[in-house]
Amino acid sequence: MKTLIEKTWFLLFIFFVTVPALSQTGNYEIKITQPDRAGAKVGLSMMVQGTATIPANNYLWVLVHRIQGFKYVWYPQGEAVIDPVTHRWDVLATFGQSADIGFDFEIAVITVDNQQHLTLENYITKAMTSGDWRPISMPPTMAAPQIIKVNKASH
């Protein structure tokens, strides 16, 4: 009888410790719908679009980089505000300069916590006011980044 009671308490303990942890991780459903395929041709800029459902206190951001020469650094493009009804989002992304024509770029859609969100907001504000658009390392993400490769065909 004692072992049954101990097992019951153990299972209850595991349940009450595990369930809150699982609910904090939440579900991440992130899809890039535009560009609609890998290898799509892009120009100077395009409206990157998609759909997403992410947990509260998470933020969706779009980053871009040219693959060759910039493999480990990214240029934040902006926060993707998710429509609460349709779950759609869009962000205007810019793909380098005219000298980058012919190069492949990657678009990354990432989810970040509040601290990383504020860091990215500060980056955008500083870059817009100073004109200094230096690349950064990809910040820690809350879920696996969604990445699609495109090719800059024009400027």
Protein backbone atom coordinates (compact mmCIF):
# COMPACT_ATOMS: atom_id res chain seq x y z
CA MET A 1 0.00 0.00 0.00
CA LYS A 2 2.82 2.37 0.86
CA THR A 3 4.40 1.94 -2.59
CA LEU A 4 1.11 2.72 -4.30
CA ILE A 5 0.78 5.97 -2.36
CA GLU A 6 4.42 6.86 -3.07
CA LYS A 7 3.94 6.15 -6.80
CA THR A 8 0.77 8.25 -6.87
CA TRP A 9 2.52 11.20 -5.21
CA PHE A 10 5.46 10.80 -7.56
CA LEU A 11 3.20 10.84 -10.64
CA LEU A 12 1.29 13.87 -9.34
CA PHE A 13 4.57 15.65 -8.70
CA ILE A 14 5.79 14.90 -12.25
CA PHE A 15 2.47 16.06 -13.70
CA PHE A 16 2.42 19.39 -11.87
CA VAL A 17 6.07 20.12 -12.62
CA THR A 18 5.93 19.12 -16.30
CA VAL A 19 2.60 20.61 -17.45
CA PRO A 20 3.45 24.26 -16.61
CA ALA A 21 6.83 23.87 -18.35
CA LEU A 22 5.15 22.51 -21.47
CA SER A 23 2.59 25.31 -21.58
CA GLN A 24 5.36 27.92 -21.39
CA THR A 25 7.13 26.56 -24.46
CA GLY A 26 3.97 26.84 -26.54
CA ASN A 27 3.38 26.03 -30.18
CA TYR A 28 5.17 27.77 -33.01
CA GLU A 29 3.59 27.65 -36.46
CA ILE A 30 5.53 29.89 -38.82
CA LYS A 31 5.26 29.82 -42.59
CA ILE A 32 6.81 31.99 -45.29
CA THR A 33 4.34 32.40 -48.16
CA GLN A 34 6.16 35.09 -50.17
CA PRO A 35 8.60 34.41 -51.70
CA ASP A 36 6.61 31.32 -52.58
CA ARG A 37 9.56 29.08 -53.45
CA ALA A 38 13.26 28.65 -52.80
CA GLY A 39 15.40 30.21 -55.51
CA ALA A 40 12.87 32.93 -56.32
CA LYS A 41 14.33 35.98 -58.07
CA VAL A 42 14.28 39.23 -56.10
CA GLY A 43 15.23 42.83 -56.82
CA LEU A 44 16.20 45.64 -54.48
CA SER A 45 13.39 44.78 -52.07
CA MET A 46 10.25 42.73 -51.65
CA MET A 47 7.42 42.30 -49.19
CA VAL A 48 8.18 39.07 -47.31
CA GLN A 49 4.88 37.55 -46.22
CA GLY A 50 3.65 34.63 -44.21
CA THR A 51 1.45 33.30 -41.48
CA ALA A 52 2.30 32.60 -37.87
CA THR A 53 0.95 31.54 -34.54
CA ILE A 54 3.37 32.04 -31.67
CA PRO A 55 3.02 32.07 -27.87
CA ALA A 56 2.44 35.28 -25.95
CA ASN A 57 5.55 37.30 -25.08
CA ASN A 58 7.27 36.15 -28.28
CA TYR A 59 8.05 38.38 -31.25
CA LEU A 60 8.45 37.57 -34.93
CA TRP A 61 11.35 39.19 -36.83
CA VAL A 62 12.67 39.02 -40.39
CA LEU A 63 16.42 39.02 -41.07
CA VAL A 64 18.29 38.88 -44.39
CA HIS A 65 21.85 38.19 -45.47
CA ARG A 66 23.86 37.53 -48.58
CA ILE A 67 25.20 34.01 -48.15
CA GLN A 68 28.65 34.49 -49.69
CA GLY A 69 30.81 36.59 -47.36
CA PHE A 70 28.05 37.10 -44.78
CA LYS A 71 27.30 33.51 -43.72
CA TYR A 72 27.33 34.19 -39.96
CA VAL A 73 25.85 37.69 -39.81
CA TRP A 74 22.41 39.08 -40.60
CA TYR A 75 20.65 42.37 -41.29
CA PRO A 76 17.44 42.77 -39.27
CA GLN A 77 14.63 44.01 -41.53
CA GLY A 78 11.85 44.54 -39.00
CA GLU A 79 9.33 43.06 -36.66
CA ALA A 80 6.52 41.11 -38.31
CA VAL A 81 3.29 42.11 -36.59
CA ILE A 82 0.89 39.16 -36.73
CA ASP A 83 -2.76 39.91 -37.46
CA PRO A 84 -4.70 38.27 -34.58
CA VAL A 85 -7.54 37.13 -36.86
CA THR A 86 -5.82 36.00 -40.08
CA HIS A 87 -2.40 35.24 -38.53
CA ARG A 88 -0.81 36.94 -41.55
CA TRP A 89 2.27 39.14 -41.36
CA ASP A 90 4.50 41.06 -43.78
CA VAL A 91 7.82 42.90 -43.64
CA LEU A 92 9.59 44.89 -46.36
CA ALA A 93 13.03 43.34 -46.88
CA THR A 94 15.96 44.89 -48.75
CA PHE A 95 18.55 42.77 -50.55
CA GLY A 96 21.88 44.54 -50.58
CA GLN A 97 23.24 46.81 -53.27
CA SER A 98 23.54 46.66 -57.06
CA ALA A 99 26.95 44.94 -56.66
CA ASP A 100 25.06 42.01 -55.07
CA ILE A 101 23.17 41.11 -58.27
CA GLY A 102 23.62 37.40 -58.99
CA PHE A 103 24.27 36.45 -55.36
CA ASP A 104 22.07 34.20 -53.25
CA PHE A 105 20.48 35.64 -50.13
CA GLU A 106 18.68 33.98 -47.23
CA ILE A 107 15.57 35.30 -45.53
CA ALA A 108 15.20 34.14 -41.93
CA VAL A 109 11.98 34.47 -39.94
CA ILE A 110 12.75 34.11 -36.24
CA THR A 111 10.94 34.26 -32.91
CA VAL A 112 12.60 36.02 -30.00
CA ASP A 113 11.85 36.79 -26.37
CA ASN A 114 11.24 40.30 -25.03
CA GLN A 115 14.92 40.99 -24.29
CA GLN A 116 16.04 40.10 -27.83
CA HIS A 117 13.05 41.98 -29.26
CA LEU A 118 14.17 45.16 -27.48
CA THR A 119 17.74 44.62 -28.72
CA LEU A 120 16.48 44.32 -32.31
CA GLU A 121 14.23 47.37 -31.94
CA ASN A 122 17.22 49.37 -30.66
CA TYR A 123 19.32 48.16 -33.60
CA ILE A 124 16.69 49.32 -36.11
CA THR A 125 16.26 52.71 -34.41
CA LYS A 126 20.01 53.32 -34.27
CA ALA A 127 20.54 52.18 -37.86
CA MET A 128 17.72 54.35 -39.18
CA THR A 129 18.94 57.46 -37.37
CA SER A 130 22.65 56.96 -38.04
CA GLY A 131 22.64 55.22 -41.43
CA ASP A 132 24.97 52.58 -39.95
CA TRP A 133 23.53 49.23 -41.06
CA ARG A 134 26.22 46.86 -39.83
CA PRO A 135 25.27 43.18 -39.74
CA ILE A 136 24.78 41.35 -36.45
CA SER A 137 24.88 37.75 -35.28
CA MET A 138 21.50 36.06 -35.28
CA PRO A 139 20.06 36.52 -31.80
CA PRO A 140 19.02 33.54 -29.69
CA THR A 141 15.65 32.31 -30.96
CA MET A 142 12.70 30.72 -29.20
CA ALA A 143 12.04 28.26 -32.04
CA ALA A 144 13.90 27.04 -35.10
CA PRO A 145 14.29 29.82 -37.68
CA GLN A 146 12.35 29.46 -40.94
CA ILE A 147 14.82 30.16 -43.76
CA ILE A 148 14.35 30.44 -47.51
CA LYS A 149 17.00 31.12 -50.14
CA VAL A 150 16.45 33.68 -52.93
CA ASN A 151 18.58 35.08 -55.74
CA LYS A 152 19.09 38.80 -56.33
CA ALA A 153 18.40 39.24 -60.06
CA SER A 154 18.04 43.03 -60.28
CA HIS A 155 18.34 46.24 -58.31
